[in-house]
Structure formats: structure tokens, C-alpha cells
Amino acid sequence: MPSDLLRGTLEMMVLQVLSDGPLHGYAIGRRIQEQSREALSIEQGSLYPALYRLEAAGWIRSRWGRNPESRRKARIYRLTAAGRTRLQDDVRGWNAFVAAVSRVVPSE
């Protein structure tokens, strides 16, 4: 996927992944990769700035906790009520965008 398209949807994907429950940063990136069937690989240099922006906006919160796999200290992120509302709005907008583009660009 072209990086400019990914950049525009990364925050929505992070919110979606966190809607299933709290995760640490690496697990968020890994979950996106798994759910995309390895089509998307999120670099830390993109993921962590997105997490900081989402937290500054109040759409996610973080706290220090333990990584369940390694038991190492990790920053755990969770979706807020405002983030859930933002996600719903983003998904509606995304679906409208995809529908409009699919009317112009035929699928294979």
C-alpha cells in the first residue's frame, strides 16, 4: 500500500485495534499487520508519533504496565469514550470514501 494512503488511515486503524482492548505499542503494530494478512507493516517511526497525537487529542490514554508476553515494563494504550466516538465517525467517513472511489475505479 502506498505510504501516503497508509498515513491517512493509520490513526483510524490504531483506534480500531484498541476498540478490542488495551495493548502496548508493539502489539498494536503487530495486530494491524496480522489483521491485514501481512499486507501492512507499521514502522515504529510512524506508529509512536500517531499514538502521541491520539493521546494528545484525548482519543486514547496510556499507563505504564507489563507486557503480558515478556513481563517487561511497557506503555499500555486504551481507547477512551471520545476515541470510540471518533472511531465511529472515521469509519463512516472511510466507508463513504471507499464507496465513492469504487464507483470511479473498478475493482479487479
C-alpha atoms as a PDB file:
ATOM      1  CA  MET A   1       0.000   0.000   0.000  1.00  0.00           C
ATOM      2  CA  PRO A   2       1.392   3.454  -0.837  1.00  0.00           C
ATOM      3  CA  SER A   3       2.718   5.233   2.248  1.00  0.00           C
ATOM      4  CA  ASP A   4       0.572   8.349   1.739  1.00  0.00           C
ATOM      5  CA  LEU A   5      -2.616   6.251   1.824  1.00  0.00           C
ATOM      6  CA  LEU A   6      -1.373   4.421   4.917  1.00  0.00           C
ATOM      7  CA  ARG A   7      -0.531   7.658   6.710  1.00  0.00           C
ATOM      8  CA  GLY A   8      -4.092   8.904   6.287  1.00  0.00           C
ATOM      9  CA  THR A   9      -5.615   5.766   7.791  1.00  0.00           C
ATOM     10  CA  LEU A  10      -3.104   4.813  10.489  1.00  0.00           C
ATOM     11  CA  GLU A  11      -4.847   6.644  13.314  1.00  0.00           C
ATOM     12  CA  MET A  12      -8.193   5.067  12.400  1.00  0.00           C
ATOM     13  CA  MET A  13      -6.592   1.603  12.343  1.00  0.00           C
ATOM     14  CA  VAL A  14      -4.984   2.194  15.751  1.00  0.00           C
ATOM     15  CA  LEU A  15      -8.340   3.241  17.204  1.00  0.00           C
ATOM     16  CA  GLN A  16      -9.984   0.170  15.658  1.00  0.00           C
ATOM     17  CA  VAL A  17      -7.376  -2.196  17.094  1.00  0.00           C
ATOM     18  CA  LEU A  18      -7.715  -0.595  20.542  1.00  0.00           C
ATOM     19  CA  SER A  19     -11.507  -0.968  20.379  1.00  0.00           C
ATOM     20  CA  ASP A  20     -10.874  -4.666  21.114  1.00  0.00           C
ATOM     21  CA  GLY A  21      -8.981  -3.840  24.316  1.00  0.00           C
ATOM     22  CA  PRO A  22      -5.784  -2.277  25.710  1.00  0.00           C
ATOM     23  CA  LEU A  23      -2.443  -3.089  24.061  1.00  0.00           C
ATOM     24  CA  HIS A  24       1.169  -1.935  24.167  1.00  0.00           C
ATOM     25  CA  GLY A  25       2.642  -0.179  21.138  1.00  0.00           C
ATOM     26  CA  TYR A  26       4.419  -3.132  19.554  1.00  0.00           C
ATOM     27  CA  ALA A  27       1.275  -5.261  19.864  1.00  0.00           C
ATOM     28  CA  ILE A  28      -0.789  -2.550  18.152  1.00  0.00           C
ATOM     29  CA  GLY A  29       1.535  -2.581  15.145  1.00  0.00           C
ATOM     30  CA  ARG A  30       1.623  -6.364  15.114  1.00  0.00           C
ATOM     31  CA  ARG A  31      -2.185  -6.620  15.297  1.00  0.00           C
ATOM     32  CA  ILE A  32      -2.560  -4.289  12.297  1.00  0.00           C
ATOM     33  CA  GLN A  33      -0.055  -6.417  10.406  1.00  0.00           C
ATOM     34  CA  GLU A  34      -1.855  -9.655  11.316  1.00  0.00           C
ATOM     35  CA  GLN A  35      -5.338  -8.346  10.553  1.00  0.00           C
ATOM     36  CA  SER A  36      -4.152  -7.049   7.166  1.00  0.00           C
ATOM     37  CA  ARG A  37      -2.773 -10.530   6.411  1.00  0.00           C
ATOM     38  CA  GLU A  38       0.754  -9.101   6.421  1.00  0.00           C
ATOM     39  CA  ALA A  39      -0.121  -6.500   3.724  1.00  0.00           C
ATOM     40  CA  LEU A  40       0.579  -3.617   6.119  1.00  0.00           C
ATOM     41  CA  SER A  41       3.743  -3.207   8.152  1.00  0.00           C
ATOM     42  CA  ILE A  42       3.684  -0.267  10.539  1.00  0.00           C
ATOM     43  CA  GLU A  43       7.103   1.169  11.317  1.00  0.00           C
ATOM     44  CA  GLN A  44       7.754   2.405  14.863  1.00  0.00           C
ATOM     45  CA  GLY A  45       8.682   5.782  13.392  1.00  0.00           C
ATOM     46  CA  SER A  46       5.080   6.106  12.188  1.00  0.00           C
ATOM     47  CA  LEU A  47       3.250   4.271  14.967  1.00  0.00           C
ATOM     48  CA  TYR A  48       4.569   6.083  18.036  1.00  0.00           C
ATOM     49  CA  PRO A  49       4.011   9.621  16.703  1.00  0.00           C
ATOM     50  CA  ALA A  50       0.449   8.534  15.833  1.00  0.00           C
ATOM     51  CA  LEU A  51      -0.022   7.221  19.383  1.00  0.00           C
ATOM     52  CA  TYR A  52       1.237  10.535  20.807  1.00  0.00           C
ATOM     53  CA  ARG A  53      -1.152  12.502  18.561  1.00  0.00           C
ATOM     54  CA  LEU A  54      -4.097  10.294  19.516  1.00  0.00           C
ATOM     55  CA  GLU A  55      -3.292  10.676  23.209  1.00  0.00           C
ATOM     56  CA  ALA A  56      -2.883  14.457  22.908  1.00  0.00           C
ATOM     57  CA  ALA A  57      -6.313  14.593  21.243  1.00  0.00           C
ATOM     58  CA  GLY A  58      -7.833  12.622  24.142  1.00  0.00           C
ATOM     59  CA  TRP A  59      -8.851   9.674  21.968  1.00  0.00           C
ATOM     60  CA  ILE A  60      -6.581   7.215  23.767  1.00  0.00           C
ATOM     61  CA  ARG A  61      -4.978   7.067  27.217  1.00  0.00           C
ATOM     62  CA  SER A  62      -1.844   5.280  28.316  1.00  0.00           C
ATOM     63  CA  ARG A  63      -0.323   3.989  31.513  1.00  0.00           C
ATOM     64  CA  TRP A  64       2.738   2.019  32.435  1.00  0.00           C
ATOM     65  CA  GLY A  65       2.093  -1.690  32.821  1.00  0.00           C
ATOM     66  CA  ARG A  66       3.588  -5.052  31.943  1.00  0.00           C
ATOM     67  CA  ASN A  67       3.825  -6.633  28.529  1.00  0.00           C
ATOM     68  CA  PRO A  68       1.855  -9.881  29.012  1.00  0.00           C
ATOM     69  CA  GLU A  69       4.301 -11.902  26.887  1.00  0.00           C
ATOM     70  CA  SER A  70       7.645 -10.667  28.205  1.00  0.00           C
ATOM     71  CA  ARG A  71       6.561  -9.226  31.580  1.00  0.00           C
ATOM     72  CA  ARG A  72       8.711  -6.183  30.746  1.00  0.00           C
ATOM     73  CA  LYS A  73       7.535  -2.696  31.571  1.00  0.00           C
ATOM     74  CA  ALA A  74       5.539  -1.255  28.655  1.00  0.00           C
ATOM     75  CA  ARG A  75       3.240   1.648  27.893  1.00  0.00           C
ATOM     76  CA  ILE A  76      -0.309   0.248  27.600  1.00  0.00           C
ATOM     77  CA  TYR A  77      -2.793   2.169  25.441  1.00  0.00           C
ATOM     78  CA  ARG A  78      -6.576   2.082  25.671  1.00  0.00           C
ATOM     79  CA  LEU A  79      -9.425   3.726  23.805  1.00  0.00           C
ATOM     80  CA  THR A  80     -11.382   6.497  25.562  1.00  0.00           C
ATOM     81  CA  ALA A  81     -15.092   7.257  25.125  1.00  0.00           C
ATOM     82  CA  ALA A  82     -14.114  10.216  22.927  1.00  0.00           C
ATOM     83  CA  GLY A  83     -11.889   7.876  20.919  1.00  0.00           C
ATOM     84  CA  ARG A  84     -14.758   5.451  20.396  1.00  0.00           C
ATOM     85  CA  THR A  85     -16.893   8.310  19.055  1.00  0.00           C
ATOM     86  CA  ARG A  86     -14.033   9.456  16.818  1.00  0.00           C
ATOM     87  CA  LEU A  87     -13.612   5.903  15.511  1.00  0.00           C
ATOM     88  CA  GLN A  88     -17.311   5.673  14.614  1.00  0.00           C
ATOM     89  CA  ASP A  89     -17.077   8.988  12.729  1.00  0.00           C
ATOM     90  CA  ASP A  90     -13.875   7.916  10.960  1.00  0.00           C
ATOM     91  CA  VAL A  91     -15.363   4.572   9.903  1.00  0.00           C
ATOM     92  CA  ARG A  92     -18.452   6.287   8.471  1.00  0.00           C
ATOM     93  CA  GLY A  93     -16.241   8.705   6.546  1.00  0.00           C
ATOM     94  CA  TRP A  94     -13.944   5.906   5.374  1.00  0.00           C
ATOM     95  CA  ASN A  95     -16.857   3.785   4.125  1.00  0.00           C
ATOM     96  CA  ALA A  96     -18.285   6.751   2.204  1.00  0.00           C
ATOM     97  CA  PHE A  97     -14.843   7.431   0.700  1.00  0.00           C
ATOM     98  CA  VAL A  98     -14.331   3.797  -0.346  1.00  0.00           C
ATOM     99  CA  ALA A  99     -17.817   3.669  -1.893  1.00  0.00           C
ATOM    100  CA  ALA A 100     -17.159   6.853  -3.883  1.00  0.00           C
ATOM    101  CA  VAL A 101     -13.741   5.704  -5.113  1.00  0.00           C
ATOM    102  CA  SER A 102     -15.100   2.276  -6.084  1.00  0.00           C
ATOM    103  CA  ARG A 103     -17.637   3.976  -8.344  1.00  0.00           C
ATOM    104  CA  VAL A 104     -14.756   5.644 -10.199  1.00  0.00           C
ATOM    105  CA  VAL A 105     -12.075   2.946 -10.012  1.00  0.00           C
ATOM    106  CA  PRO A 106     -13.349  -0.526 -10.917  1.00  0.00           C
ATOM    107  CA  SER A 107     -12.228  -3.476  -8.821  1.00  0.00           C
ATOM    108  CA  GLU A 108     -10.219  -6.211 -10.493  1.00  0.00           C
END
